[in-house]
Amino acid sequence: MKIIILIIGIMVSTIGFAQNEISGFYSLSGFDGNVDCNIFLYKNGSYFLELSENVTDDIVESLALSYGKFSLANNEVTLIDKIHNYKMRLVLENKTLKVKQAFSFLINKRFFLHDNSIIDETEFISPNINAFMLQKERKSYNISHNKLIPLCLGVYEDGQGYKLSIQQNNKYKLEFKNIVLSEGKWCRNTNELELKDINLRCSFYLLINNKKLVSKLLPGEYKSCSLIYK
């Protein structure tokens, strides 16, 4: 029994050491004009993925794309999103992280280590959001809106940078300021629209309303925004 406990202790300490070794601030700079994509790997095993845009010399706007926990095994870093539970995979190569599975625009891109001194996780997103709550909201909406609402094919926008294209061949594309975040196949369940991402292997959901779609939740969107049909 003591031997088993000792082995488990060694495994846990090794994992913790590995996480400490790769913790830091990694960046993919200028891949789209003034837009950077950054990954923060914290010593406590948490991660934060963001888009960062230099609007002016003094103003930087950020969009939180994903956050959750990360792990390292055989030089592969796995990020597991806290809200949607999808996985992103990156390979550790000479202090860089090469993307194998993630958002569409990140596939085969390489993040470079900029700073390995970050220690503490930042409180960046409301902890009240969870998958079970979102599922209940979608179910409740379908019960209260049991009459089928027409779904208009075409482009929906929120006015803040999100654009969703719903195509006739059941394909979709989700963009944020012309950056492709998600693409794949869509289907509907009563008045719920499901987006099946081919890269993240995960589904995102919206509620179908009169010429608009309400996010529940799209990647990087944590406030249930409405996208209006154009």
C-alpha atoms as a PDB file:
ATOM      1  CA  MET A   1       0.000   0.000   0.000  1.00  0.00           C
ATOM      2  CA  LYS A   2       2.833   2.382   0.910  1.00  0.00           C
ATOM      3  CA  ILE A   3       4.545   1.576  -2.395  1.00  0.00           C
ATOM      4  CA  ILE A   4       1.381   2.472  -4.354  1.00  0.00           C
ATOM      5  CA  ILE A   5       1.025   5.765  -2.478  1.00  0.00           C
ATOM      6  CA  LEU A   6       4.703   6.548  -3.141  1.00  0.00           C
ATOM      7  CA  ILE A   7       4.294   5.860  -6.884  1.00  0.00           C
ATOM      8  CA  ILE A   8       1.204   8.080  -7.074  1.00  0.00           C
ATOM      9  CA  GLY A   9       3.084  10.807  -5.223  1.00  0.00           C
ATOM     10  CA  ILE A  10       5.964  10.619  -7.671  1.00  0.00           C
ATOM     11  CA  MET A  11       3.560  10.778 -10.642  1.00  0.00           C
ATOM     12  CA  VAL A  12       1.754  13.839  -9.250  1.00  0.00           C
ATOM     13  CA  SER A  13       5.008  15.647  -8.481  1.00  0.00           C
ATOM     14  CA  THR A  14       6.321  14.848 -11.990  1.00  0.00           C
ATOM     15  CA  ILE A  15       3.176  16.254 -13.608  1.00  0.00           C
ATOM     16  CA  GLY A  16       3.415  19.378 -11.477  1.00  0.00           C
ATOM     17  CA  PHE A  17       7.094  19.792 -12.403  1.00  0.00           C
ATOM     18  CA  ALA A  18       6.306  19.409 -16.104  1.00  0.00           C
ATOM     19  CA  GLN A  19       3.579  22.054 -15.912  1.00  0.00           C
ATOM     20  CA  ASN A  20       5.928  24.426 -14.114  1.00  0.00           C
ATOM     21  CA  GLU A  21       8.560  23.852 -16.790  1.00  0.00           C
ATOM     22  CA  ILE A  22       6.304  24.906 -19.673  1.00  0.00           C
ATOM     23  CA  SER A  23       4.249  27.591 -17.905  1.00  0.00           C
ATOM     24  CA  GLY A  24       4.495  31.020 -19.474  1.00  0.00           C
ATOM     25  CA  PHE A  25       3.150  33.406 -22.082  1.00  0.00           C
ATOM     26  CA  TYR A  26       3.189  32.127 -25.675  1.00  0.00           C
ATOM     27  CA  SER A  27       2.227  34.263 -28.651  1.00  0.00           C
ATOM     28  CA  LEU A  28       1.405  33.945 -32.335  1.00  0.00           C
ATOM     29  CA  SER A  29       2.143  37.488 -33.465  1.00  0.00           C
ATOM     30  CA  GLY A  30       0.727  39.426 -36.388  1.00  0.00           C
ATOM     31  CA  PHE A  31      -0.945  36.495 -38.132  1.00  0.00           C
ATOM     32  CA  ASP A  32      -3.799  38.766 -39.211  1.00  0.00           C
ATOM     33  CA  GLY A  33      -2.721  42.405 -39.468  1.00  0.00           C
ATOM     34  CA  ASN A  34      -2.576  43.849 -35.945  1.00  0.00           C
ATOM     35  CA  VAL A  35      -4.117  40.767 -34.344  1.00  0.00           C
ATOM     36  CA  ASP A  36      -2.106  38.410 -32.113  1.00  0.00           C
ATOM     37  CA  CYS A  37      -3.200  35.154 -30.515  1.00  0.00           C
ATOM     38  CA  ASN A  38      -1.838  34.446 -27.035  1.00  0.00           C
ATOM     39  CA  ILE A  39      -1.768  31.424 -24.737  1.00  0.00           C
ATOM     40  CA  PHE A  40      -1.116  31.799 -21.012  1.00  0.00           C
ATOM     41  CA  LEU A  41      -0.096  28.568 -19.262  1.00  0.00           C
ATOM     42  CA  TYR A  42      -0.238  29.036 -15.485  1.00  0.00           C
ATOM     43  CA  LYS A  43       1.737  27.117 -12.876  1.00  0.00           C
ATOM     44  CA  ASN A  44      -1.500  25.829 -11.302  1.00  0.00           C
ATOM     45  CA  GLY A  45      -2.386  23.962 -14.526  1.00  0.00           C
ATOM     46  CA  SER A  46      -4.867  26.510 -15.890  1.00  0.00           C
ATOM     47  CA  TYR A  47      -4.692  28.111 -19.327  1.00  0.00           C
ATOM     48  CA  PHE A  48      -6.171  31.155 -21.049  1.00  0.00           C
ATOM     49  CA  LEU A  49      -6.358  31.626 -24.845  1.00  0.00           C
ATOM     50  CA  GLU A  50      -7.108  35.064 -26.295  1.00  0.00           C
ATOM     51  CA  LEU A  51      -7.143  37.178 -29.435  1.00  0.00           C
ATOM     52  CA  SER A  52      -5.440  40.538 -28.953  1.00  0.00           C
ATOM     53  CA  GLU A  53      -5.734  43.462 -31.369  1.00  0.00           C
ATOM     54  CA  ASN A  54      -3.662  46.660 -31.344  1.00  0.00           C
ATOM     55  CA  VAL A  55      -6.422  49.122 -32.213  1.00  0.00           C
ATOM     56  CA  THR A  56      -4.123  52.132 -31.690  1.00  0.00           C
ATOM     57  CA  ASP A  57      -0.668  52.642 -30.170  1.00  0.00           C
ATOM     58  CA  ASP A  58      -2.327  53.002 -26.756  1.00  0.00           C
ATOM     59  CA  ILE A  59      -5.407  50.747 -27.020  1.00  0.00           C
ATOM     60  CA  VAL A  60      -5.384  46.950 -27.077  1.00  0.00           C
ATOM     61  CA  GLU A  61      -8.651  44.993 -27.310  1.00  0.00           C
ATOM     62  CA  SER A  62      -8.803  41.334 -26.247  1.00  0.00           C
ATOM     63  CA  LEU A  63     -11.261  38.511 -26.859  1.00  0.00           C
ATOM     64  CA  ALA A  64     -11.215  35.500 -24.514  1.00  0.00           C
ATOM     65  CA  LEU A  65     -11.450  32.463 -26.811  1.00  0.00           C
ATOM     66  CA  SER A  66     -11.060  29.634 -24.305  1.00  0.00           C
ATOM     67  CA  TYR A  67      -9.982  28.829 -20.767  1.00  0.00           C
ATOM     68  CA  GLY A  68      -9.629  25.687 -18.684  1.00  0.00           C
ATOM     69  CA  LYS A  69      -6.965  23.165 -17.665  1.00  0.00           C
ATOM     70  CA  PHE A  70      -3.873  21.902 -19.477  1.00  0.00           C
ATOM     71  CA  SER A  71      -1.630  18.862 -19.143  1.00  0.00           C
ATOM     72  CA  LEU A  72       1.664  17.715 -20.639  1.00  0.00           C
ATOM     73  CA  ALA A  73       2.472  14.161 -21.756  1.00  0.00           C
ATOM     74  CA  ASN A  74       5.139  12.985 -24.245  1.00  0.00           C
ATOM     75  CA  ASN A  75       5.816  16.565 -25.399  1.00  0.00           C
ATOM     76  CA  GLU A  76       2.130  17.105 -26.225  1.00  0.00           C
ATOM     77  CA  VAL A  77       0.161  19.801 -24.421  1.00  0.00           C
ATOM     78  CA  THR A  78      -3.572  19.158 -24.118  1.00  0.00           C
ATOM     79  CA  LEU A  79      -5.929  22.051 -23.353  1.00  0.00           C
ATOM     80  CA  ILE A  80      -9.435  21.158 -22.128  1.00  0.00           C
ATOM     81  CA  ASP A  81     -12.003  23.951 -22.328  1.00  0.00           C
ATOM     82  CA  LYS A  82     -13.941  24.459 -19.083  1.00  0.00           C
ATOM     83  CA  ILE A  83     -17.294  25.358 -20.671  1.00  0.00           C
ATOM     84  CA  HIS A  84     -17.528  23.089 -23.733  1.00  0.00           C
ATOM     85  CA  ASN A  85     -15.061  20.361 -22.714  1.00  0.00           C
ATOM     86  CA  TYR A  86     -13.405  20.259 -26.166  1.00  0.00           C
ATOM     87  CA  LYS A  87      -9.694  19.475 -26.456  1.00  0.00           C
ATOM     88  CA  MET A  88      -6.916  21.354 -28.205  1.00  0.00           C
ATOM     89  CA  ARG A  89      -3.577  19.653 -28.839  1.00  0.00           C
ATOM     90  CA  LEU A  90      -0.199  21.338 -29.251  1.00  0.00           C
ATOM     91  CA  VAL A  91       3.256  19.789 -29.631  1.00  0.00           C
ATOM     92  CA  LEU A  92       6.128  21.188 -27.569  1.00  0.00           C
ATOM     93  CA  GLU A  93       9.177  21.795 -29.789  1.00  0.00           C
ATOM     94  CA  ASN A  94      12.169  23.892 -28.614  1.00  0.00           C
ATOM     95  CA  LYS A  95      10.105  26.254 -26.438  1.00  0.00           C
ATOM     96  CA  THR A  96       7.444  26.612 -29.127  1.00  0.00           C
ATOM     97  CA  LEU A  97       3.943  25.123 -29.300  1.00  0.00           C
ATOM     98  CA  LYS A  98       2.861  23.794 -32.704  1.00  0.00           C
ATOM     99  CA  VAL A  99      -0.910  23.455 -33.070  1.00  0.00           C
ATOM    100  CA  LYS A 100      -2.302  20.066 -34.086  1.00  0.00           C
ATOM    101  CA  GLN A 101      -5.952  20.409 -33.097  1.00  0.00           C
ATOM    102  CA  ALA A 102      -7.701  23.690 -32.227  1.00  0.00           C
ATOM    103  CA  PHE A 103      -9.715  26.496 -33.786  1.00  0.00           C
ATOM    104  CA  SER A 104      -9.668  26.525 -37.593  1.00  0.00           C
ATOM    105  CA  PHE A 105      -7.326  29.485 -37.942  1.00  0.00           C
ATOM    106  CA  LEU A 106      -4.705  27.982 -35.607  1.00  0.00           C
ATOM    107  CA  ILE A 107      -4.122  24.608 -37.281  1.00  0.00           C
ATOM    108  CA  ASN A 108      -0.378  24.053 -37.991  1.00  0.00           C
ATOM    109  CA  LYS A 109       0.519  27.493 -36.582  1.00  0.00           C
ATOM    110  CA  ARG A 110       3.356  27.848 -34.050  1.00  0.00           C
ATOM    111  CA  PHE A 111       3.304  29.798 -30.766  1.00  0.00           C
ATOM    112  CA  PHE A 112       6.597  31.196 -29.474  1.00  0.00           C
ATOM    113  CA  LEU A 113       7.504  31.597 -25.801  1.00  0.00           C
ATOM    114  CA  HIS A 114       7.698  35.283 -24.835  1.00  0.00           C
ATOM    115  CA  ASP A 115       7.760  35.169 -21.036  1.00  0.00           C
ATOM    116  CA  ASN A 116       7.976  32.262 -18.590  1.00  0.00           C
ATOM    117  CA  SER A 117       7.619  34.303 -15.405  1.00  0.00           C
ATOM    118  CA  ILE A 118       3.806  34.332 -15.103  1.00  0.00           C
ATOM    119  CA  ILE A 119       2.605  32.622 -11.945  1.00  0.00           C
ATOM    120  CA  ASP A 120      -0.938  33.553 -10.935  1.00  0.00           C
ATOM    121  CA  GLU A 121      -4.125  32.900 -12.858  1.00  0.00           C
ATOM    122  CA  THR A 122      -6.250  35.946 -13.650  1.00  0.00           C
ATOM    123  CA  GLU A 123     -10.011  36.015 -13.032  1.00  0.00           C
ATOM    124  CA  PHE A 124     -11.122  36.753 -16.581  1.00  0.00           C
ATOM    125  CA  ILE A 125     -14.519  35.089 -17.071  1.00  0.00           C
ATOM    126  CA  SER A 126     -17.575  34.665 -14.848  1.00  0.00           C
ATOM    127  CA  PRO A 127     -17.388  31.324 -13.009  1.00  0.00           C
ATOM    128  CA  ASN A 128     -21.205  31.084 -13.080  1.00  0.00           C
ATOM    129  CA  ILE A 129     -21.221  29.773 -16.664  1.00  0.00           C
ATOM    130  CA  ASN A 130     -21.376  25.992 -17.014  1.00  0.00           C
ATOM    131  CA  ALA A 131     -22.443  23.440 -19.612  1.00  0.00           C
ATOM    132  CA  PHE A 132     -25.347  22.103 -17.522  1.00  0.00           C
ATOM    133  CA  MET A 133     -26.862  25.568 -17.103  1.00  0.00           C
ATOM    134  CA  LEU A 134     -26.602  26.204 -20.855  1.00  0.00           C
ATOM    135  CA  GLN A 135     -28.238  22.855 -21.612  1.00  0.00           C
ATOM    136  CA  LYS A 136     -31.152  23.699 -19.279  1.00  0.00           C
ATOM    137  CA  GLU A 137     -31.599  27.089 -20.979  1.00  0.00           C
ATOM    138  CA  ARG A 138     -31.746  25.464 -24.423  1.00  0.00           C
ATOM    139  CA  LYS A 139     -34.211  22.816 -23.258  1.00  0.00           C
ATOM    140  CA  SER A 140     -36.418  25.407 -21.561  1.00  0.00           C
ATOM    141  CA  TYR A 141     -36.446  27.515 -24.738  1.00  0.00           C
ATOM    142  CA  ASN A 142     -37.518  24.559 -26.879  1.00  0.00           C
ATOM    143  CA  ILE A 143     -40.356  23.798 -24.447  1.00  0.00           C
ATOM    144  CA  SER A 144     -41.606  27.397 -24.368  1.00  0.00           C
ATOM    145  CA  HIS A 145     -41.180  27.803 -28.160  1.00  0.00           C
ATOM    146  CA  ASN A 146     -42.611  24.494 -29.395  1.00  0.00           C
ATOM    147  CA  LYS A 147     -43.834  25.914 -32.716  1.00  0.00           C
ATOM    148  CA  LEU A 148     -41.164  25.629 -35.418  1.00  0.00           C
ATOM    149  CA  ILE A 149     -39.619  29.032 -36.183  1.00  0.00           C
ATOM    150  CA  PRO A 150     -38.380  29.493 -39.789  1.00  0.00           C
ATOM    151  CA  LEU A 151     -34.580  29.458 -40.120  1.00  0.00           C
ATOM    152  CA  CYS A 152     -33.291  31.920 -42.696  1.00  0.00           C
ATOM    153  CA  LEU A 153     -30.207  30.764 -44.581  1.00  0.00           C
ATOM    154  CA  GLY A 154     -27.461  33.322 -45.103  1.00  0.00           C
ATOM    155  CA  VAL A 155     -25.383  35.642 -42.919  1.00  0.00           C
ATOM    156  CA  TYR A 156     -25.997  36.667 -39.297  1.00  0.00           C
ATOM    157  CA  GLU A 157     -23.967  39.343 -37.493  1.00  0.00           C
ATOM    158  CA  ASP A 158     -23.848  40.781 -33.967  1.00  0.00           C
ATOM    159  CA  GLY A 159     -22.360  44.176 -34.889  1.00  0.00           C
ATOM    160  CA  GLN A 160     -19.291  43.562 -32.692  1.00  0.00           C
ATOM    161  CA  GLY A 161     -17.283  41.368 -35.050  1.00  0.00           C
ATOM    162  CA  TYR A 162     -19.080  38.006 -35.088  1.00  0.00           C
ATOM    163  CA  LYS A 163     -20.378  36.752 -38.449  1.00  0.00           C
ATOM    164  CA  LEU A 164     -22.078  33.401 -38.946  1.00  0.00           C
ATOM    165  CA  SER A 165     -22.810  32.028 -42.408  1.00  0.00           C
ATOM    166  CA  ILE A 166     -25.520  29.325 -42.553  1.00  0.00           C
ATOM    167  CA  GLN A 167     -25.371  27.611 -45.935  1.00  0.00           C
ATOM    168  CA  GLN A 168     -27.915  25.508 -47.831  1.00  0.00           C
ATOM    169  CA  ASN A 169     -25.672  22.418 -47.928  1.00  0.00           C
ATOM    170  CA  ASN A 170     -25.757  22.279 -44.117  1.00  0.00           C
ATOM    171  CA  LYS A 171     -22.306  23.816 -43.856  1.00  0.00           C
ATOM    172  CA  TYR A 172     -21.501  26.819 -41.689  1.00  0.00           C
ATOM    173  CA  LYS A 173     -18.632  29.211 -41.033  1.00  0.00           C
ATOM    174  CA  LEU A 174     -18.184  31.335 -37.906  1.00  0.00           C
ATOM    175  CA  GLU A 175     -15.856  34.336 -38.097  1.00  0.00           C
ATOM    176  CA  PHE A 176     -14.716  37.032 -35.731  1.00  0.00           C
ATOM    177  CA  LYS A 177     -13.401  40.094 -37.570  1.00  0.00           C
ATOM    178  CA  ASN A 178     -12.705  37.911 -40.635  1.00  0.00           C
ATOM    179  CA  ILE A 179     -10.829  35.277 -38.594  1.00  0.00           C
ATOM    180  CA  VAL A 180     -12.388  31.818 -39.024  1.00  0.00           C
ATOM    181  CA  LEU A 181     -13.087  30.492 -35.526  1.00  0.00           C
ATOM    182  CA  SER A 182     -15.253  27.519 -36.402  1.00  0.00           C
ATOM    183  CA  GLU A 183     -16.567  25.626 -39.423  1.00  0.00           C
ATOM    184  CA  GLY A 184     -18.377  22.397 -40.063  1.00  0.00           C
ATOM    185  CA  LYS A 185     -21.956  21.106 -40.366  1.00  0.00           C
ATOM    186  CA  TRP A 186     -25.152  22.504 -38.852  1.00  0.00           C
ATOM    187  CA  CYS A 187     -28.433  20.835 -37.924  1.00  0.00           C
ATOM    188  CA  ARG A 188     -31.520  21.910 -36.006  1.00  0.00           C
ATOM    189  CA  ASN A 189     -33.501  20.366 -33.162  1.00  0.00           C
ATOM    190  CA  THR A 190     -36.879  22.149 -33.005  1.00  0.00           C
ATOM    191  CA  ASN A 191     -35.741  25.755 -32.417  1.00  0.00           C
ATOM    192  CA  GLU A 192     -32.184  24.945 -31.413  1.00  0.00           C
ATOM    193  CA  LEU A 193     -29.374  25.241 -33.962  1.00  0.00           C
ATOM    194  CA  GLU A 194     -26.358  22.961 -33.481  1.00  0.00           C
ATOM    195  CA  LEU A 195     -22.983  23.771 -35.043  1.00  0.00           C
ATOM    196  CA  LYS A 196     -20.723  20.702 -35.287  1.00  0.00           C
ATOM    197  CA  ASP A 197     -17.120  21.922 -35.449  1.00  0.00           C
ATOM    198  CA  ILE A 198     -14.926  19.632 -37.589  1.00  0.00           C
ATOM    199  CA  ASN A 199     -11.635  20.676 -35.961  1.00  0.00           C
ATOM    200  CA  LEU A 200     -12.579  20.934 -32.287  1.00  0.00           C
ATOM    201  CA  ARG A 201     -14.918  17.910 -32.623  1.00  0.00           C
ATOM    202  CA  CYS A 202     -17.403  19.755 -30.472  1.00  0.00           C
ATOM    203  CA  SER A 203     -20.868  21.277 -30.891  1.00  0.00           C
ATOM    204  CA  PHE A 204     -21.886  24.887 -30.267  1.00  0.00           C
ATOM    205  CA  TYR A 205     -25.507  25.980 -29.949  1.00  0.00           C
ATOM    206  CA  LEU A 206     -27.801  28.889 -30.779  1.00  0.00           C
ATOM    207  CA  LEU A 207     -31.505  29.512 -30.248  1.00  0.00           C
ATOM    208  CA  ILE A 208     -33.543  30.220 -33.382  1.00  0.00           C
ATOM    209  CA  ASN A 209     -35.728  33.310 -33.132  1.00  0.00           C
ATOM    210  CA  ASN A 210     -37.397  35.665 -35.594  1.00  0.00           C
ATOM    211  CA  LYS A 211     -34.547  36.460 -38.037  1.00  0.00           C
ATOM    212  CA  LYS A 212     -31.951  36.236 -35.285  1.00  0.00           C
ATOM    213  CA  LEU A 213     -29.903  33.610 -33.468  1.00  0.00           C
ATOM    214  CA  VAL A 214     -29.075  33.770 -29.756  1.00  0.00           C
ATOM    215  CA  SER A 215     -25.699  32.316 -28.726  1.00  0.00           C
ATOM    216  CA  LYS A 216     -25.650  29.473 -26.123  1.00  0.00           C
ATOM    217  CA  LEU A 217     -22.564  29.760 -26.372  1.00  0.00           C
ATOM    218  CA  LEU A 218     -20.369  30.393 -29.394  1.00  0.00           C
ATOM    219  CA  PRO A 219     -16.607  30.046 -28.927  1.00  0.00           C
ATOM    220  CA  GLY A 220     -15.186  33.190 -27.346  1.00  0.00           C
ATOM    221  CA  GLU A 221     -18.680  34.565 -26.652  1.00  0.00           C
ATOM    222  CA  TYR A 222     -19.699  34.448 -22.981  1.00  0.00           C
ATOM    223  CA  LYS A 223     -22.688  36.803 -22.841  1.00  0.00           C
ATOM    224  CA  SER A 224     -25.322  35.087 -25.022  1.00  0.00           C
ATOM    225  CA  CYS A 225     -25.193  37.711 -27.774  1.00  0.00           C
ATOM    226  CA  SER A 226     -27.774  37.921 -30.574  1.00  0.00           C
ATOM    227  CA  LEU A 227     -26.777  37.623 -34.215  1.00  0.00           C
ATOM    228  CA  ILE A 228     -29.160  39.389 -36.591  1.00  0.00           C
ATOM    229  CA  TYR A 229     -29.995  38.140 -40.099  1.00  0.00           C
ATOM    230  CA  LYS A 230     -28.619  40.386 -42.850  1.00  0.00           C
END
